[in-house]
Amino acid sequence: MDTIENVEHLRESYGAPSERALKKQLNRLDKHCRDFIARSPFLVIASADPSGRCDASPKGDAPGFVQVFDDTTLLIPDRLGNNRIDTLANLLARPGIGLIFFVPGINETLRVNGRACITTDRALIARQSPLVVGKPAWHQDPRAAAWPPPGSC
């Protein structure tokens, strides 16, 4: 079987990306990104463990459960689940993160890549409480993932 071993060979097979494709990559969350995130009830978080094994974890709640803190920071709440904490443990070891947001009925997605930190900052967590429709406050897990956290990462 023939395999591709380097980027040059890969580029020969695919050609150059279009100008439109290159312009899609932003270093800040613009209005379109903010609106898409606000409408999204579902995302997938990609992370990798210390050995490099990848994991993709679904996260969902009412639209707006992920908040845009500023042009480069997202606040992603941790919800009660199966307590495997795979993603959180992965982020402690390797803070690189990939997010893909989905909005039902829209045939596009939004990808966000960067570094993540886990925070127990009560002020950040409190910002998300009103967004949890139908879940009593005592069900809130006192953790949130911030990408990247305000101030440092």
Protein backbone atom coordinates (compact mmCIF):
# COMPACT_ATOMS: atom_id res chain seq x y z
CA MET A 1 0.00 0.00 0.00
CA ASP A 2 1.26 3.47 -0.89
CA THR A 3 1.24 5.95 1.97
CA ILE A 4 1.80 9.67 2.23
CA GLU A 5 4.66 10.40 4.59
CA ASN A 6 5.09 14.19 4.46
CA VAL A 7 3.21 17.44 3.95
CA GLU A 8 4.80 18.12 0.56
CA HIS A 9 3.47 14.86 -0.85
CA LEU A 10 0.09 15.55 0.75
CA ARG A 11 -0.04 19.05 -0.80
CA GLU A 12 0.78 17.54 -4.22
CA SER A 13 -2.28 15.31 -3.85
CA TYR A 14 -4.63 18.11 -2.74
CA GLY A 15 -3.33 21.33 -4.25
CA ALA A 16 -3.44 24.74 -2.59
CA PRO A 17 -6.36 25.81 -0.38
CA SER A 18 -8.70 28.45 -1.79
CA GLU A 19 -8.50 32.08 -0.68
CA ARG A 20 -11.93 31.67 0.93
CA ALA A 21 -10.73 28.68 2.95
CA LEU A 22 -7.68 30.61 4.17
CA LYS A 23 -9.83 33.58 5.25
CA LYS A 24 -11.98 31.33 7.47
CA GLN A 25 -9.20 31.08 10.04
CA LEU A 26 -9.48 33.87 12.60
CA ASN A 27 -7.45 34.69 15.70
CA ARG A 28 -10.46 36.21 17.49
CA LEU A 29 -14.14 35.36 17.88
CA ASP A 30 -16.00 37.72 15.54
CA LYS A 31 -19.75 38.50 15.54
CA HIS A 32 -20.56 35.44 13.38
CA CYS A 33 -18.64 33.17 15.79
CA ARG A 34 -20.33 34.70 18.83
CA ASP A 35 -23.79 34.34 17.27
CA PHE A 36 -23.14 30.74 16.25
CA ILE A 37 -21.92 29.79 19.74
CA ALA A 38 -24.97 31.50 21.31
CA ARG A 39 -27.30 29.42 19.11
CA SER A 40 -25.46 26.12 19.58
CA PRO A 41 -26.98 23.51 21.93
CA PHE A 42 -24.25 20.98 21.18
CA LEU A 43 -20.50 20.76 20.72
CA VAL A 44 -17.80 18.12 20.62
CA ILE A 45 -14.59 18.65 22.58
CA ALA A 46 -11.46 16.96 21.24
CA SER A 47 -8.52 16.38 23.55
CA ALA A 48 -5.61 13.97 23.85
CA ASP A 49 -4.24 12.00 26.78
CA PRO A 50 -0.54 12.07 27.78
CA SER A 51 0.21 9.28 25.27
CA GLY A 52 -1.39 11.22 22.43
CA ARG A 53 -4.53 9.06 22.19
CA CYS A 54 -7.34 11.31 21.05
CA ASP A 55 -10.79 11.58 22.57
CA ALA A 56 -13.93 13.36 21.41
CA SER A 57 -16.55 14.14 24.02
CA PRO A 58 -20.05 15.47 23.32
CA LYS A 59 -21.38 18.34 25.45
CA GLY A 60 -24.82 19.84 25.27
CA ASP A 61 -27.42 21.93 27.01
CA ALA A 62 -29.76 24.78 26.12
CA PRO A 63 -28.43 27.13 23.42
CA GLY A 64 -26.08 29.61 25.06
CA PHE A 65 -24.66 27.15 27.59
CA VAL A 66 -21.18 28.08 26.31
CA GLN A 67 -20.45 31.73 26.96
CA VAL A 68 -18.10 34.02 25.11
CA PHE A 69 -16.13 35.75 27.88
CA ASP A 70 -14.16 37.96 25.48
CA ASP A 71 -12.76 37.83 21.94
CA THR A 72 -10.39 34.95 22.77
CA THR A 73 -12.00 33.18 25.74
CA LEU A 74 -14.91 30.76 26.02
CA LEU A 75 -16.46 29.51 29.26
CA ILE A 76 -17.64 25.92 28.96
CA PRO A 77 -19.54 24.52 31.94
CA ASP A 78 -18.97 21.01 33.16
CA ARG A 79 -22.28 19.22 33.66
CA LEU A 80 -23.03 16.20 35.76
CA GLY A 81 -22.36 13.08 33.73
CA ASN A 82 -20.66 9.73 33.97
CA ASN A 83 -17.75 11.06 36.09
CA ARG A 84 -15.12 9.50 33.81
CA ILE A 85 -13.48 12.96 33.60
CA ASP A 86 -11.53 11.85 30.51
CA THR A 87 -11.56 15.28 28.88
CA LEU A 88 -10.71 17.15 32.08
CA ALA A 89 -7.83 14.76 32.87
CA ASN A 90 -6.58 15.07 29.28
CA LEU A 91 -6.61 18.86 29.51
CA LEU A 92 -4.55 18.79 32.69
CA ALA A 93 -1.87 16.78 30.90
CA ARG A 94 -2.18 18.34 27.43
CA PRO A 95 -4.09 21.64 27.32
CA GLY A 96 -4.58 21.64 23.53
CA ILE A 97 -8.29 21.56 22.72
CA GLY A 98 -10.46 21.42 19.62
CA LEU A 99 -14.12 22.38 19.68
CA ILE A 100 -16.72 21.94 16.99
CA PHE A 101 -20.09 23.65 17.49
CA PHE A 102 -23.32 22.51 15.84
CA VAL A 103 -26.67 24.26 15.38
CA PRO A 104 -29.61 22.08 14.31
CA GLY A 105 -30.88 22.95 10.84
CA ILE A 106 -27.71 24.81 9.82
CA ASN A 107 -25.44 23.06 7.36
CA GLU A 108 -22.22 24.52 8.69
CA THR A 109 -20.20 24.14 11.86
CA LEU A 110 -17.85 26.35 13.82
CA ARG A 111 -14.42 25.06 14.82
CA VAL A 112 -12.42 26.64 17.63
CA ASN A 113 -8.94 25.47 18.58
CA GLY A 114 -6.67 26.59 21.38
CA ARG A 115 -5.55 25.85 24.93
CA ALA A 116 -7.78 25.09 27.90
CA CYS A 117 -7.52 25.33 31.65
CA ILE A 118 -9.88 24.07 34.32
CA THR A 119 -11.06 26.58 36.87
CA THR A 120 -13.06 26.57 40.08
CA ASP A 121 -13.34 30.38 40.07
CA ARG A 122 -16.78 30.93 41.59
CA ALA A 123 -17.27 34.26 39.79
CA LEU A 124 -16.82 32.58 36.40
CA ILE A 125 -19.01 29.64 37.36
CA ALA A 126 -21.74 31.97 38.66
CA ARG A 127 -21.90 33.65 35.25
CA GLN A 128 -23.30 30.41 33.85
CA SER A 129 -25.92 29.49 36.46
CA PRO A 130 -28.83 31.40 34.86
CA LEU A 131 -28.30 29.51 31.61
CA VAL A 132 -29.11 26.14 33.11
CA VAL A 133 -32.81 25.85 32.39
CA GLY A 134 -34.65 23.18 34.36
CA LYS A 135 -31.68 22.09 36.49
CA PRO A 136 -31.69 22.88 40.21
CA ALA A 137 -28.68 24.80 41.48
CA TRP A 138 -27.59 21.89 43.66
CA HIS A 139 -27.04 19.84 40.50
CA GLN A 140 -24.36 22.21 39.30
CA ASP A 141 -20.89 20.77 39.35
CA PRO A 142 -18.59 23.51 40.74
CA ARG A 143 -16.18 23.30 37.83
CA ALA A 144 -15.94 24.97 34.49
CA ALA A 145 -13.48 24.78 31.66
CA ALA A 146 -12.24 28.10 30.35
CA TRP A 147 -10.56 28.33 26.97
CA PRO A 148 -8.09 29.96 27.60
CA PRO A 149 -8.73 31.16 31.13
CA PRO A 150 -8.97 34.87 31.68
CA GLY A 151 -5.51 36.11 32.56
CA SER A 152 -3.34 33.08 31.87
CA CYS A 153 -3.10 29.51 30.76
